[in-house]
Amino acid sequence: MIEDLSLRDVSCRLAKYLLNLAGQKKSNTFNLDMQKSELALKLATIPETLSRNLKKLKIRKLIYLKDNRVTILNPEGLRKLAEDL
């Protein structure tokens, strides 16, 4: 976890988090399990940066996001992003 916080940028940490959550839920469509402000804290960032990164993932068509409901549209693309260092 410390490696994730220090070496990976926010988009990598977010991608990894979303993939892990999808794995736990056993579905590519799921609700975020916390408020965005709490998620930002968990990912060691601020809510504004989290929102920008979610928007980038949407623009790249990696995810669809409506309210707190996420659909992973491109799991392989998200996986590649999560593995970036």
Protein backbone atom coordinates (compact mmCIF):
# COMPACT_ATOMS: atom_id res chain seq x y z
CA MET A 1 0.00 0.00 0.00
CA ILE A 2 2.82 2.44 0.81
CA GLU A 3 4.30 1.72 -2.63
CA ASP A 4 0.94 2.56 -4.19
CA LEU A 5 0.77 5.91 -2.41
CA SER A 6 4.35 6.97 -3.07
CA LEU A 7 5.12 5.66 -6.55
CA ARG A 8 1.81 5.64 -8.36
CA ASP A 9 -0.10 8.70 -9.46
CA VAL A 10 -3.74 9.26 -8.57
CA SER A 11 -5.08 7.81 -11.82
CA CYS A 12 -3.16 4.56 -11.24
CA ARG A 13 -4.36 4.30 -7.65
CA LEU A 14 -7.93 5.06 -8.70
CA ALA A 15 -7.85 2.46 -11.48
CA LYS A 16 -6.50 -0.16 -9.08
CA TYR A 17 -9.16 0.71 -6.49
CA LEU A 18 -11.99 0.44 -9.05
CA LEU A 19 -10.71 -2.90 -10.33
CA ASN A 20 -10.41 -4.25 -6.79
CA LEU A 21 -13.93 -3.07 -5.96
CA ALA A 22 -15.29 -4.69 -9.14
CA GLY A 23 -13.57 -7.92 -8.09
CA GLN A 24 -15.12 -7.77 -4.63
CA LYS A 25 -18.57 -7.07 -6.08
CA LYS A 26 -18.05 -9.68 -8.83
CA SER A 27 -19.47 -7.19 -11.34
CA ASN A 28 -18.22 -4.44 -13.64
CA THR A 29 -21.15 -2.29 -12.48
CA PHE A 30 -21.28 -1.27 -8.85
CA ASN A 31 -21.90 1.59 -6.46
CA LEU A 32 -18.95 3.36 -4.89
CA ASP A 33 -18.95 2.18 -1.29
CA MET A 34 -18.11 5.58 0.21
CA GLN A 35 -18.47 9.31 -0.36
CA LYS A 36 -16.06 10.80 -2.89
CA SER A 37 -14.42 12.85 -0.13
CA GLU A 38 -13.71 9.64 1.81
CA LEU A 39 -12.42 7.93 -1.33
CA ALA A 40 -10.11 10.88 -1.98
CA LEU A 41 -8.66 10.47 1.52
CA LYS A 42 -8.22 6.74 0.99
CA LEU A 43 -6.34 7.43 -2.26
CA ALA A 44 -4.21 10.14 -0.60
CA THR A 45 -5.53 12.98 -2.72
CA ILE A 46 -8.11 15.76 -2.53
CA PRO A 47 -11.72 15.54 -3.79
CA GLU A 48 -11.07 17.93 -6.70
CA THR A 49 -8.21 15.80 -7.99
CA LEU A 50 -10.30 12.66 -7.59
CA SER A 51 -13.13 14.26 -9.60
CA ARG A 52 -10.72 15.29 -12.37
CA ASN A 53 -9.33 11.77 -12.55
CA LEU A 54 -12.79 10.20 -12.67
CA LYS A 55 -13.63 12.58 -15.51
CA LYS A 56 -10.44 11.56 -17.37
CA LEU A 57 -11.40 7.90 -17.04
CA LYS A 58 -14.84 8.72 -18.45
CA ILE A 59 -13.38 10.69 -21.37
CA ARG A 60 -11.04 7.79 -22.17
CA LYS A 61 -14.14 5.53 -22.11
CA LEU A 62 -12.61 3.33 -19.43
CA ILE A 63 -15.58 3.85 -17.10
CA TYR A 64 -19.11 5.19 -17.11
CA LEU A 65 -20.07 7.12 -13.99
CA LYS A 66 -23.49 8.37 -12.99
CA ASP A 67 -23.88 9.63 -9.45
CA ASN A 68 -22.06 6.98 -7.38
CA ARG A 69 -22.68 4.14 -9.85
CA VAL A 70 -19.63 3.00 -11.83
CA THR A 71 -19.51 0.73 -14.86
CA ILE A 72 -16.10 -0.42 -16.01
CA LEU A 73 -16.32 -0.26 -19.81
CA ASN A 74 -12.75 -1.29 -20.61
CA PRO A 75 -11.32 -3.55 -17.89
CA GLU A 76 -8.11 -4.24 -19.84
CA GLY A 77 -7.45 -0.53 -20.38
CA LEU A 78 -8.10 0.15 -16.71
CA ARG A 79 -5.77 -2.73 -15.77
CA LYS A 80 -2.99 -1.27 -17.92
CA LEU A 81 -3.45 2.09 -16.22
CA ALA A 82 -3.40 0.46 -12.78
CA GLU A 83 -0.09 -1.22 -13.59
CA ASP A 84 1.62 1.98 -14.79
CA LEU A 85 4.49 3.25 -12.68
